[in-house]
Amino acid sequence: MKRVWIIIPLLLLTGCLEKDITKLDVKMINDKGDSVGTVKFQEVSSGIKLTFDLKKIPPGEHAVHIHDKGECKTPEFKSSGKDLNPDDKKHGLLHPEGAHEGDLPNIIVEDDGTVKAELMAPRVTLKEGKATLIRKDGTTIVIHEEKDDGMSQPEGDSGGIIACGKISKEK
């Protein structure tokens, strides 16, 4: 009986200390450093749901990727690194040897430059582990100037980056 009373407080204390992040708001900036809106990340049973609320993005279809570095230095965003790819797969949602964890579907920007959309990122998580977005070196979400063709290496022939947001549990 005494063992039960000792174990229960320890389990309660451990549960209080280990809080997984389940939601994040990521501020997106353009190549001039101006805010263009947010992408909300929410952990769900099938991965992460991303909700886009953006403005001042060029109209048309654009690639969206999660990159392996946690910096968004303007104007070219090269500091964001490359597609998140811990399993060393080929790029592209259509590639038979893919996809990277950072490969996501394209978004469509309206003629007025706005995006209100939801995407699923099924191969990543906000929880600890190999596919986490919460890393020591950070991660970013980026929007490219062109659409991703789903096959071409290394970025789907999607052009340069036009918007970037640092994915971090810090506000």
C-alpha atoms as a PDB file:
ATOM      1  CA  MET A   1       0.000   0.000   0.000  1.00  0.00           C
ATOM      2  CA  LYS A   2       2.818   2.447   0.802  1.00  0.00           C
ATOM      3  CA  ARG A   3       4.392   1.819  -2.595  1.00  0.00           C
ATOM      4  CA  VAL A   4       1.218   2.948  -4.334  1.00  0.00           C
ATOM      5  CA  TRP A   5       1.215   6.237  -2.435  1.00  0.00           C
ATOM      6  CA  ILE A   6       4.871   6.824  -3.319  1.00  0.00           C
ATOM      7  CA  ILE A   7       4.428   6.019  -7.020  1.00  0.00           C
ATOM      8  CA  ILE A   8       1.308   8.121  -7.589  1.00  0.00           C
ATOM      9  CA  PRO A   9       2.896  11.449  -6.544  1.00  0.00           C
ATOM     10  CA  LEU A  10       5.944  10.672  -8.696  1.00  0.00           C
ATOM     11  CA  LEU A  11       3.746   9.953 -11.718  1.00  0.00           C
ATOM     12  CA  LEU A  12       1.777  13.152 -11.147  1.00  0.00           C
ATOM     13  CA  LEU A  13       4.977  15.201 -10.801  1.00  0.00           C
ATOM     14  CA  THR A  14       6.489  13.660 -13.949  1.00  0.00           C
ATOM     15  CA  GLY A  15       3.313  14.399 -15.911  1.00  0.00           C
ATOM     16  CA  CYS A  16       3.402  18.032 -14.834  1.00  0.00           C
ATOM     17  CA  LEU A  17       7.003  18.500 -15.930  1.00  0.00           C
ATOM     18  CA  GLU A  18       6.725  16.946 -19.404  1.00  0.00           C
ATOM     19  CA  LYS A  19       4.331  19.131 -21.376  1.00  0.00           C
ATOM     20  CA  ASP A  20       4.463  18.528 -25.086  1.00  0.00           C
ATOM     21  CA  ILE A  21       3.868  21.513 -27.299  1.00  0.00           C
ATOM     22  CA  THR A  22       0.694  21.027 -29.298  1.00  0.00           C
ATOM     23  CA  LYS A  23       0.259  24.462 -30.908  1.00  0.00           C
ATOM     24  CA  LEU A  24       2.560  27.150 -32.312  1.00  0.00           C
ATOM     25  CA  ASP A  25       2.008  30.404 -34.187  1.00  0.00           C
ATOM     26  CA  VAL A  26       4.785  31.197 -36.671  1.00  0.00           C
ATOM     27  CA  LYS A  27       5.217  34.773 -37.885  1.00  0.00           C
ATOM     28  CA  MET A  28       6.069  34.909 -41.592  1.00  0.00           C
ATOM     29  CA  ILE A  29       8.213  37.654 -43.133  1.00  0.00           C
ATOM     30  CA  ASN A  30       8.986  38.610 -46.728  1.00  0.00           C
ATOM     31  CA  ASP A  31      12.405  39.372 -48.272  1.00  0.00           C
ATOM     32  CA  LYS A  32      12.264  42.930 -46.864  1.00  0.00           C
ATOM     33  CA  GLY A  33      11.601  41.683 -43.327  1.00  0.00           C
ATOM     34  CA  ASP A  34       7.965  42.839 -43.337  1.00  0.00           C
ATOM     35  CA  SER A  35       5.285  40.686 -41.733  1.00  0.00           C
ATOM     36  CA  VAL A  36       3.071  38.844 -44.216  1.00  0.00           C
ATOM     37  CA  GLY A  37       0.948  36.970 -41.658  1.00  0.00           C
ATOM     38  CA  THR A  38       1.087  33.738 -39.689  1.00  0.00           C
ATOM     39  CA  VAL A  39       1.057  29.989 -40.057  1.00  0.00           C
ATOM     40  CA  LYS A  40      -0.487  28.139 -37.127  1.00  0.00           C
ATOM     41  CA  PHE A  41       0.872  24.684 -36.313  1.00  0.00           C
ATOM     42  CA  GLN A  42      -1.338  22.244 -34.429  1.00  0.00           C
ATOM     43  CA  GLU A  43      -0.392  18.689 -33.461  1.00  0.00           C
ATOM     44  CA  VAL A  44      -3.159  16.251 -34.463  1.00  0.00           C
ATOM     45  CA  SER A  45      -3.281  12.447 -34.586  1.00  0.00           C
ATOM     46  CA  SER A  46      -2.193  12.352 -38.255  1.00  0.00           C
ATOM     47  CA  GLY A  47       0.711  14.840 -38.006  1.00  0.00           C
ATOM     48  CA  ILE A  48       0.623  18.624 -37.920  1.00  0.00           C
ATOM     49  CA  LYS A  49      -2.178  20.745 -39.313  1.00  0.00           C
ATOM     50  CA  LEU A  50      -0.904  24.039 -40.744  1.00  0.00           C
ATOM     51  CA  THR A  51      -3.331  26.944 -41.044  1.00  0.00           C
ATOM     52  CA  PHE A  52      -2.158  29.775 -43.308  1.00  0.00           C
ATOM     53  CA  ASP A  53      -3.369  33.360 -42.904  1.00  0.00           C
ATOM     54  CA  LEU A  54      -1.118  35.392 -45.189  1.00  0.00           C
ATOM     55  CA  LYS A  55      -1.202  38.609 -47.213  1.00  0.00           C
ATOM     56  CA  LYS A  56       1.081  40.431 -49.657  1.00  0.00           C
ATOM     57  CA  ILE A  57       2.220  37.198 -51.342  1.00  0.00           C
ATOM     58  CA  PRO A  58       2.445  37.177 -55.175  1.00  0.00           C
ATOM     59  CA  PRO A  59      -0.679  35.532 -56.693  1.00  0.00           C
ATOM     60  CA  GLY A  60      -0.424  31.995 -58.036  1.00  0.00           C
ATOM     61  CA  GLU A  61       0.748  28.575 -56.921  1.00  0.00           C
ATOM     62  CA  HIS A  62       3.728  28.390 -54.542  1.00  0.00           C
ATOM     63  CA  ALA A  63       5.798  25.615 -52.982  1.00  0.00           C
ATOM     64  CA  VAL A  64       5.829  25.303 -49.202  1.00  0.00           C
ATOM     65  CA  HIS A  65       8.674  23.474 -47.444  1.00  0.00           C
ATOM     66  CA  ILE A  66       9.943  22.988 -43.920  1.00  0.00           C
ATOM     67  CA  HIS A  67      13.689  23.659 -43.766  1.00  0.00           C
ATOM     68  CA  ASP A  68      16.318  22.305 -41.379  1.00  0.00           C
ATOM     69  CA  LYS A  69      17.749  25.565 -39.976  1.00  0.00           C
ATOM     70  CA  GLY A  70      16.051  28.045 -37.665  1.00  0.00           C
ATOM     71  CA  GLU A  71      16.972  31.373 -39.274  1.00  0.00           C
ATOM     72  CA  CYS A  72      15.205  33.697 -41.698  1.00  0.00           C
ATOM     73  CA  LYS A  73      17.898  36.169 -42.776  1.00  0.00           C
ATOM     74  CA  THR A  74      16.677  38.445 -45.541  1.00  0.00           C
ATOM     75  CA  PRO A  75      16.707  38.961 -48.443  1.00  0.00           C
ATOM     76  CA  GLU A  76      17.317  35.433 -49.809  1.00  0.00           C
ATOM     77  CA  PHE A  77      16.639  33.294 -46.705  1.00  0.00           C
ATOM     78  CA  LYS A  78      19.599  30.994 -47.436  1.00  0.00           C
ATOM     79  CA  SER A  79      20.047  30.774 -43.650  1.00  0.00           C
ATOM     80  CA  SER A  80      16.928  28.571 -43.527  1.00  0.00           C
ATOM     81  CA  GLY A  81      18.978  25.650 -44.836  1.00  0.00           C
ATOM     82  CA  LYS A  82      17.551  22.856 -46.951  1.00  0.00           C
ATOM     83  CA  ASP A  83      14.412  20.736 -46.805  1.00  0.00           C
ATOM     84  CA  LEU A  84      14.067  18.854 -43.522  1.00  0.00           C
ATOM     85  CA  ASN A  85      15.184  15.344 -44.489  1.00  0.00           C
ATOM     86  CA  PRO A  86      16.357  13.185 -41.553  1.00  0.00           C
ATOM     87  CA  ASP A  87      15.530   9.979 -43.476  1.00  0.00           C
ATOM     88  CA  ASP A  88      17.705  11.019 -46.460  1.00  0.00           C
ATOM     89  CA  LYS A  89      14.963  10.563 -49.065  1.00  0.00           C
ATOM     90  CA  LYS A  90      14.555  12.171 -52.471  1.00  0.00           C
ATOM     91  CA  HIS A  91      12.620  15.431 -52.789  1.00  0.00           C
ATOM     92  CA  GLY A  92       9.021  15.470 -53.891  1.00  0.00           C
ATOM     93  CA  LEU A  93       5.596  14.255 -52.887  1.00  0.00           C
ATOM     94  CA  LEU A  94       5.400  12.453 -56.249  1.00  0.00           C
ATOM     95  CA  HIS A  95       8.910  10.969 -56.207  1.00  0.00           C
ATOM     96  CA  PRO A  96       8.997   7.154 -55.766  1.00  0.00           C
ATOM     97  CA  GLU A  97      12.019   7.504 -53.428  1.00  0.00           C
ATOM     98  CA  GLY A  98      10.556  10.460 -51.500  1.00  0.00           C
ATOM     99  CA  ALA A  99       9.369  12.469 -49.844  1.00  0.00           C
ATOM    100  CA  HIS A 100      11.382  14.582 -47.426  1.00  0.00           C
ATOM    101  CA  GLU A 101       9.741  15.260 -44.083  1.00  0.00           C
ATOM    102  CA  GLY A 102       9.818  18.933 -45.149  1.00  0.00           C
ATOM    103  CA  ASP A 103       7.901  18.415 -48.416  1.00  0.00           C
ATOM    104  CA  LEU A 104       4.394  19.863 -48.322  1.00  0.00           C
ATOM    105  CA  PRO A 105       1.635  20.459 -50.875  1.00  0.00           C
ATOM    106  CA  ASN A 106       1.621  23.742 -52.804  1.00  0.00           C
ATOM    107  CA  ILE A 107      -0.564  26.662 -51.752  1.00  0.00           C
ATOM    108  CA  ILE A 108      -2.682  28.861 -54.024  1.00  0.00           C
ATOM    109  CA  VAL A 109      -2.464  32.620 -53.437  1.00  0.00           C
ATOM    110  CA  GLU A 110      -5.508  34.655 -54.462  1.00  0.00           C
ATOM    111  CA  ASP A 111      -5.288  37.565 -56.911  1.00  0.00           C
ATOM    112  CA  ASP A 112      -5.331  40.004 -53.961  1.00  0.00           C
ATOM    113  CA  GLY A 113      -2.218  38.364 -52.453  1.00  0.00           C
ATOM    114  CA  THR A 114      -3.996  36.561 -49.610  1.00  0.00           C
ATOM    115  CA  VAL A 115      -3.861  32.942 -48.518  1.00  0.00           C
ATOM    116  CA  LYS A 116      -6.330  31.301 -46.178  1.00  0.00           C
ATOM    117  CA  ALA A 117      -5.603  27.592 -46.377  1.00  0.00           C
ATOM    118  CA  GLU A 118      -4.953  24.434 -44.397  1.00  0.00           C
ATOM    119  CA  LEU A 119      -2.331  21.784 -45.159  1.00  0.00           C
ATOM    120  CA  MET A 120      -1.304  18.594 -43.414  1.00  0.00           C
ATOM    121  CA  ALA A 121       2.304  17.722 -42.614  1.00  0.00           C
ATOM    122  CA  PRO A 122       1.971  13.998 -41.850  1.00  0.00           C
ATOM    123  CA  ARG A 123       5.680  13.160 -41.467  1.00  0.00           C
ATOM    124  CA  VAL A 124       6.569  15.685 -38.727  1.00  0.00           C
ATOM    125  CA  THR A 125       5.683  16.410 -35.119  1.00  0.00           C
ATOM    126  CA  LEU A 126       6.053  19.048 -32.417  1.00  0.00           C
ATOM    127  CA  LYS A 127       6.876  16.279 -29.931  1.00  0.00           C
ATOM    128  CA  GLU A 128      10.365  14.955 -29.242  1.00  0.00           C
ATOM    129  CA  GLY A 129      11.868  12.546 -31.747  1.00  0.00           C
ATOM    130  CA  LYS A 130      13.582  12.214 -35.095  1.00  0.00           C
ATOM    131  CA  ALA A 131      10.852  14.069 -37.031  1.00  0.00           C
ATOM    132  CA  THR A 132      10.381  16.930 -34.559  1.00  0.00           C
ATOM    133  CA  LEU A 133      10.270  20.534 -35.717  1.00  0.00           C
ATOM    134  CA  ILE A 134      11.517  21.710 -32.306  1.00  0.00           C
ATOM    135  CA  ARG A 135      15.263  21.209 -32.790  1.00  0.00           C
ATOM    136  CA  LYS A 136      18.451  22.615 -31.295  1.00  0.00           C
ATOM    137  CA  ASP A 137      19.353  24.369 -34.579  1.00  0.00           C
ATOM    138  CA  GLY A 138      15.717  25.239 -35.220  1.00  0.00           C
ATOM    139  CA  THR A 139      13.543  24.788 -38.294  1.00  0.00           C
ATOM    140  CA  THR A 140      11.704  27.154 -40.621  1.00  0.00           C
ATOM    141  CA  ILE A 141       8.714  27.134 -42.902  1.00  0.00           C
ATOM    142  CA  VAL A 142       9.354  28.749 -46.270  1.00  0.00           C
ATOM    143  CA  ILE A 143       7.313  29.763 -49.300  1.00  0.00           C
ATOM    144  CA  HIS A 144       8.991  29.641 -52.701  1.00  0.00           C
ATOM    145  CA  GLU A 145       8.397  31.917 -55.691  1.00  0.00           C
ATOM    146  CA  GLU A 146       7.155  29.045 -57.891  1.00  0.00           C
ATOM    147  CA  LYS A 147       5.169  25.841 -57.435  1.00  0.00           C
ATOM    148  CA  ASP A 148       6.843  22.556 -56.511  1.00  0.00           C
ATOM    149  CA  ASP A 149       6.697  20.049 -59.384  1.00  0.00           C
ATOM    150  CA  GLY A 150       6.836  17.162 -56.894  1.00  0.00           C
ATOM    151  CA  MET A 151       9.848  15.444 -58.480  1.00  0.00           C
ATOM    152  CA  SER A 152      12.843  17.671 -59.359  1.00  0.00           C
ATOM    153  CA  GLN A 153      15.851  17.646 -57.052  1.00  0.00           C
ATOM    154  CA  PRO A 154      16.559  19.254 -54.644  1.00  0.00           C
ATOM    155  CA  GLU A 155      13.583  21.693 -54.285  1.00  0.00           C
ATOM    156  CA  GLY A 156      11.028  20.767 -56.950  1.00  0.00           C
ATOM    157  CA  ASP A 157      12.135  23.494 -59.392  1.00  0.00           C
ATOM    158  CA  SER A 158      10.352  25.959 -57.101  1.00  0.00           C
ATOM    159  CA  GLY A 159      12.696  28.947 -57.359  1.00  0.00           C
ATOM    160  CA  GLY A 160      13.891  31.232 -54.588  1.00  0.00           C
ATOM    161  CA  ILE A 161      12.277  31.780 -51.207  1.00  0.00           C
ATOM    162  CA  ILE A 162       9.866  34.717 -50.892  1.00  0.00           C
ATOM    163  CA  ALA A 163       8.674  34.254 -47.287  1.00  0.00           C
ATOM    164  CA  CYS A 164      10.065  32.575 -44.181  1.00  0.00           C
ATOM    165  CA  GLY A 165       9.058  31.899 -40.575  1.00  0.00           C
ATOM    166  CA  LYS A 166      11.082  30.471 -37.688  1.00  0.00           C
ATOM    167  CA  ILE A 167       9.446  27.465 -36.022  1.00  0.00           C
ATOM    168  CA  SER A 168      10.176  27.757 -32.319  1.00  0.00           C
ATOM    169  CA  LYS A 169       8.511  27.180 -28.966  1.00  0.00           C
ATOM    170  CA  GLU A 170       9.879  30.564 -27.891  1.00  0.00           C
ATOM    171  CA  LYS A 171       7.537  33.489 -28.441  1.00  0.00           C
END
